[in-house]
Amino acid sequence: MFRILAVWCFMLCTTAGIQQVQAQAEATTTVVAEPEVEMADVLRQDGKIYVVVAVLLTVLVGMILYLISLDRKVGKLEAQLKDDLVNR
């Protein structure tokens, strides 16, 4: 469980660091007119952006739950292997 949380925190910190570097790089460049993102505007107007966020959160939570269950299974197998080696 600790390994999963450590990896998760590492990935989160890494992506946050990348975003900060990108933000600093954008701040030092000249200002260019940003293109309009029509799809995002339409999703926001129709209220469907919340559906997109809900789906992304559902997938993320599902992946985290899968990793936790996988970690538990591997932990049980490791404990079983250790017991088998000790009892020989």
N, C-alpha and C. Protein backbone atom coordinates (compact mmCIF):
# COMPACT_ATOMS: atom_id res chain seq x y z
N MET A 1 0.83 -1.18 0.00
CA MET A 1 0.00 0.00 0.00
C MET A 1 0.88 1.25 0.00
N PHE A 2 1.93 1.20 0.82
CA PHE A 2 2.83 2.35 0.90
C PHE A 2 3.51 2.59 -0.44
N ARG A 3 3.87 1.50 -1.13
CA ARG A 3 4.54 1.64 -2.43
C ARG A 3 3.64 2.34 -3.43
N ILE A 4 2.36 1.99 -3.42
CA ILE A 4 1.42 2.60 -4.36
C ILE A 4 1.29 4.09 -4.07
N LEU A 5 1.16 4.44 -2.80
CA LEU A 5 1.04 5.84 -2.44
C LEU A 5 2.31 6.61 -2.78
N ALA A 6 3.47 5.97 -2.59
CA ALA A 6 4.73 6.63 -2.91
C ALA A 6 4.83 6.88 -4.41
N VAL A 7 4.47 5.89 -5.21
CA VAL A 7 4.51 6.06 -6.66
C VAL A 7 3.50 7.11 -7.10
N TRP A 8 2.33 7.09 -6.50
CA TRP A 8 1.30 8.06 -6.83
C TRP A 8 1.77 9.48 -6.51
N CYS A 9 2.35 9.67 -5.34
CA CYS A 9 2.86 11.00 -4.96
C CYS A 9 3.99 11.43 -5.89
N PHE A 10 4.85 10.50 -6.26
CA PHE A 10 5.94 10.82 -7.18
C PHE A 10 5.39 11.30 -8.52
N MET A 11 4.40 10.57 -9.05
CA MET A 11 3.81 10.96 -10.33
C MET A 11 3.13 12.32 -10.22
N LEU A 12 2.44 12.56 -9.12
CA LEU A 12 1.75 13.83 -8.93
C LEU A 12 2.74 14.98 -8.84
N CYS A 13 3.81 14.79 -8.07
CA CYS A 13 4.82 15.85 -7.94
C CYS A 13 5.55 16.08 -9.26
N THR A 14 5.80 15.01 -10.00
CA THR A 14 6.48 15.14 -11.27
C THR A 14 5.64 15.95 -12.25
N THR A 15 4.36 15.64 -12.33
CA THR A 15 3.50 16.37 -13.26
C THR A 15 3.32 17.81 -12.81
N ALA A 16 3.29 18.05 -11.51
CA ALA A 16 3.17 19.42 -11.02
C ALA A 16 4.43 20.20 -11.37
N GLY A 17 5.60 19.56 -11.27
CA GLY A 17 6.85 20.23 -11.62
C GLY A 17 6.91 20.54 -13.10
N ILE A 18 6.42 19.64 -13.92
CA ILE A 18 6.41 19.87 -15.37
C ILE A 18 5.50 21.04 -15.70
N GLN A 19 4.36 21.11 -15.03
CA GLN A 19 3.43 22.21 -15.29
C GLN A 19 4.03 23.54 -14.88
N GLN A 20 4.78 23.57 -13.78
CA GLN A 20 5.41 24.81 -13.36
C GLN A 20 6.48 25.26 -14.35
N VAL A 21 7.24 24.31 -14.86
CA VAL A 21 8.27 24.65 -15.84
C VAL A 21 7.63 25.18 -17.11
N GLN A 22 6.55 24.56 -17.53
CA GLN A 22 5.86 25.03 -18.72
C GLN A 22 5.28 26.42 -18.50
N ALA A 23 4.75 26.67 -17.29
CA ALA A 23 4.18 27.98 -16.99
C ALA A 23 5.27 29.04 -17.00
N GLN A 24 6.46 28.72 -16.47
CA GLN A 24 7.56 29.67 -16.48
C GLN A 24 8.03 29.93 -17.90
N ALA A 25 8.07 28.88 -18.73
CA ALA A 25 8.50 29.05 -20.11
C ALA A 25 7.51 29.92 -20.87
N GLU A 26 6.23 29.75 -20.60
CA GLU A 26 5.23 30.56 -21.27
C GLU A 26 5.30 32.01 -20.82
N ALA A 27 5.66 32.24 -19.57
CA ALA A 27 5.74 33.60 -19.05
C ALA A 27 6.90 34.36 -19.68
N THR A 28 7.97 33.65 -20.04
CA THR A 28 9.13 34.33 -20.60
C THR A 28 9.01 34.56 -22.10
N THR A 29 8.12 33.86 -22.77
CA THR A 29 7.96 34.05 -24.20
C THR A 29 7.05 35.24 -24.47
N THR A 30 7.07 35.70 -25.70
CA THR A 30 6.21 36.83 -26.06
C THR A 30 4.76 36.38 -26.09
N VAL A 31 3.88 37.32 -25.87
CA VAL A 31 2.46 37.01 -25.81
C VAL A 31 1.94 36.85 -27.23
N VAL A 32 1.34 35.70 -27.48
CA VAL A 32 0.75 35.40 -28.77
C VAL A 32 -0.73 35.15 -28.53
N ALA A 33 -1.56 35.60 -29.43
CA ALA A 33 -3.00 35.40 -29.28
C ALA A 33 -3.30 33.91 -29.24
N GLU A 34 -3.99 33.51 -28.18
CA GLU A 34 -4.33 32.10 -28.03
C GLU A 34 -5.54 31.77 -28.90
N PRO A 35 -5.50 30.63 -29.55
CA PRO A 35 -6.65 30.25 -30.36
C PRO A 35 -7.82 29.85 -29.46
N GLU A 36 -8.99 30.11 -29.95
CA GLU A 36 -10.19 29.74 -29.20
C GLU A 36 -10.38 28.23 -29.25
N VAL A 37 -10.70 27.64 -28.14
CA VAL A 37 -10.97 26.21 -28.07
C VAL A 37 -12.48 26.05 -28.08
N GLU A 38 -13.00 25.80 -29.25
CA GLU A 38 -14.45 25.77 -29.42
C GLU A 38 -15.08 24.60 -28.70
N MET A 39 -14.42 23.45 -28.71
CA MET A 39 -15.00 22.27 -28.08
C MET A 39 -15.17 22.49 -26.58
N ALA A 40 -14.17 23.07 -25.93
CA ALA A 40 -14.26 23.30 -24.49
C ALA A 40 -15.36 24.31 -24.18
N ASP A 41 -15.48 25.33 -25.01
CA ASP A 41 -16.53 26.32 -24.80
C ASP A 41 -17.92 25.70 -24.95
N VAL A 42 -18.07 24.85 -25.95
CA VAL A 42 -19.37 24.21 -26.18
C VAL A 42 -19.69 23.27 -25.02
N LEU A 43 -18.70 22.49 -24.55
CA LEU A 43 -18.94 21.59 -23.43
C LEU A 43 -19.29 22.37 -22.17
N ARG A 44 -18.64 23.50 -21.98
CA ARG A 44 -18.93 24.31 -20.80
C ARG A 44 -20.33 24.91 -20.89
N GLN A 45 -20.72 25.37 -22.06
CA GLN A 45 -22.05 25.97 -22.22
C GLN A 45 -23.15 24.95 -22.04
N ASP A 46 -22.93 23.74 -22.57
CA ASP A 46 -23.96 22.71 -22.47
C ASP A 46 -23.96 22.01 -21.12
N GLY A 47 -22.95 22.26 -20.32
CA GLY A 47 -22.87 21.61 -19.01
C GLY A 47 -22.31 20.20 -19.10
N LYS A 48 -21.80 19.82 -20.25
CA LYS A 48 -21.28 18.47 -20.43
C LYS A 48 -19.85 18.32 -19.92
N ILE A 49 -19.22 19.43 -19.57
CA ILE A 49 -17.86 19.36 -19.04
C ILE A 49 -17.86 18.58 -17.74
N TYR A 50 -18.97 18.64 -17.00
CA TYR A 50 -19.08 17.90 -15.75
C TYR A 50 -19.13 16.40 -16.01
N VAL A 51 -19.73 16.01 -17.12
CA VAL A 51 -19.75 14.60 -17.51
C VAL A 51 -18.33 14.13 -17.82
N VAL A 52 -17.58 14.94 -18.52
CA VAL A 52 -16.20 14.60 -18.85
C VAL A 52 -15.38 14.46 -17.57
N VAL A 53 -15.54 15.40 -16.66
CA VAL A 53 -14.81 15.34 -15.39
C VAL A 53 -15.22 14.11 -14.59
N ALA A 54 -16.51 13.80 -14.57
CA ALA A 54 -16.99 12.62 -13.84
C ALA A 54 -16.41 11.34 -14.42
N VAL A 55 -16.36 11.24 -15.74
CA VAL A 55 -15.79 10.04 -16.37
C VAL A 55 -14.31 9.92 -16.05
N LEU A 56 -13.58 11.02 -16.13
CA LEU A 56 -12.15 10.99 -15.82
C LEU A 56 -11.91 10.59 -14.37
N LEU A 57 -12.70 11.14 -13.46
CA LEU A 57 -12.55 10.78 -12.05
C LEU A 57 -12.90 9.32 -11.80
N THR A 58 -13.93 8.81 -12.50
CA THR A 58 -14.31 7.41 -12.36
C THR A 58 -13.19 6.50 -12.84
N VAL A 59 -12.59 6.83 -13.95
CA VAL A 59 -11.48 6.02 -14.47
C VAL A 59 -10.29 6.08 -13.51
N LEU A 60 -9.99 7.26 -13.01
CA LEU A 60 -8.87 7.42 -12.08
C LEU A 60 -9.10 6.63 -10.79
N VAL A 61 -10.29 6.72 -10.23
CA VAL A 61 -10.61 5.99 -9.00
C VAL A 61 -10.56 4.48 -9.27
N GLY A 62 -11.06 4.06 -10.42
CA GLY A 62 -11.01 2.64 -10.77
C GLY A 62 -9.58 2.13 -10.88
N MET A 63 -8.71 2.93 -11.48
CA MET A 63 -7.31 2.53 -11.59
C MET A 63 -6.65 2.45 -10.22
N ILE A 64 -6.95 3.40 -9.35
CA ILE A 64 -6.37 3.37 -8.01
C ILE A 64 -6.86 2.16 -7.23
N LEU A 65 -8.15 1.87 -7.31
CA LEU A 65 -8.68 0.69 -6.62
C LEU A 65 -8.09 -0.60 -7.17
N TYR A 66 -7.89 -0.66 -8.47
CA TYR A 66 -7.26 -1.84 -9.07
C TYR A 66 -5.83 -2.00 -8.58
N LEU A 67 -5.08 -0.91 -8.51
CA LEU A 67 -3.71 -0.99 -8.02
C LEU A 67 -3.66 -1.42 -6.56
N ILE A 68 -4.59 -0.93 -5.76
CA ILE A 68 -4.62 -1.33 -4.35
C ILE A 68 -4.92 -2.82 -4.23
N SER A 69 -5.90 -3.30 -4.99
CA SER A 69 -6.23 -4.74 -4.91
C SER A 69 -5.08 -5.59 -5.43
N LEU A 70 -4.41 -5.12 -6.47
CA LEU A 70 -3.26 -5.84 -7.01
C LEU A 70 -2.12 -5.87 -5.99
N ASP A 71 -1.91 -4.77 -5.29
CA ASP A 71 -0.87 -4.72 -4.26
C ASP A 71 -1.17 -5.69 -3.13
N ARG A 72 -2.43 -5.78 -2.74
CA ARG A 72 -2.81 -6.73 -1.69
C ARG A 72 -2.58 -8.17 -2.13
N LYS A 73 -2.94 -8.48 -3.36
CA LYS A 73 -2.73 -9.84 -3.86
C LYS A 73 -1.25 -10.19 -3.91
N VAL A 74 -0.43 -9.26 -4.37
CA VAL A 74 1.01 -9.50 -4.43
C VAL A 74 1.57 -9.64 -3.02
N GLY A 75 1.08 -8.84 -2.09
CA GLY A 75 1.52 -8.95 -0.70
C GLY A 75 1.18 -10.31 -0.11
N LYS A 76 -0.02 -10.82 -0.41
CA LYS A 76 -0.39 -12.15 0.08
C LYS A 76 0.50 -13.22 -0.52
N LEU A 77 0.78 -13.10 -1.82
CA LEU A 77 1.66 -14.08 -2.47
C LEU A 77 3.07 -14.02 -1.90
N GLU A 78 3.57 -12.83 -1.62
CA GLU A 78 4.89 -12.69 -1.02
C GLU A 78 4.93 -13.32 0.36
N ALA A 79 3.88 -13.08 1.15
CA ALA A 79 3.82 -13.67 2.49
C ALA A 79 3.74 -15.18 2.41
N GLN A 80 2.96 -15.69 1.46
CA GLN A 80 2.84 -17.14 1.29
C GLN A 80 4.17 -17.74 0.87
N LEU A 81 4.87 -17.10 -0.02
CA LEU A 81 6.18 -17.58 -0.47
C LEU A 81 7.18 -17.55 0.67
N LYS A 82 7.13 -16.49 1.47
CA LYS A 82 8.04 -16.40 2.60
C LYS A 82 7.75 -17.51 3.61
N ASP A 83 6.47 -17.79 3.88
CA ASP A 83 6.10 -18.86 4.81
C ASP A 83 6.53 -20.22 4.28
N ASP A 84 6.38 -20.42 2.97
CA ASP A 84 6.79 -21.70 2.37
C ASP A 84 8.30 -21.90 2.47
N LEU A 85 9.05 -20.83 2.28
CA LEU A 85 10.51 -20.93 2.38
C LEU A 85 10.97 -21.16 3.82
N VAL A 86 10.28 -20.56 4.78
CA VAL A 86 10.64 -20.71 6.19
C VAL A 86 10.29 -22.11 6.69
N ASN A 87 9.18 -22.66 6.23
CA ASN A 87 8.71 -23.96 6.71
C ASN A 87 9.41 -25.15 6.06
N ARG A 88 10.30 -24.93 5.15
CA ARG A 88 11.02 -26.04 4.51
C ARG A 88 12.01 -26.66 5.42
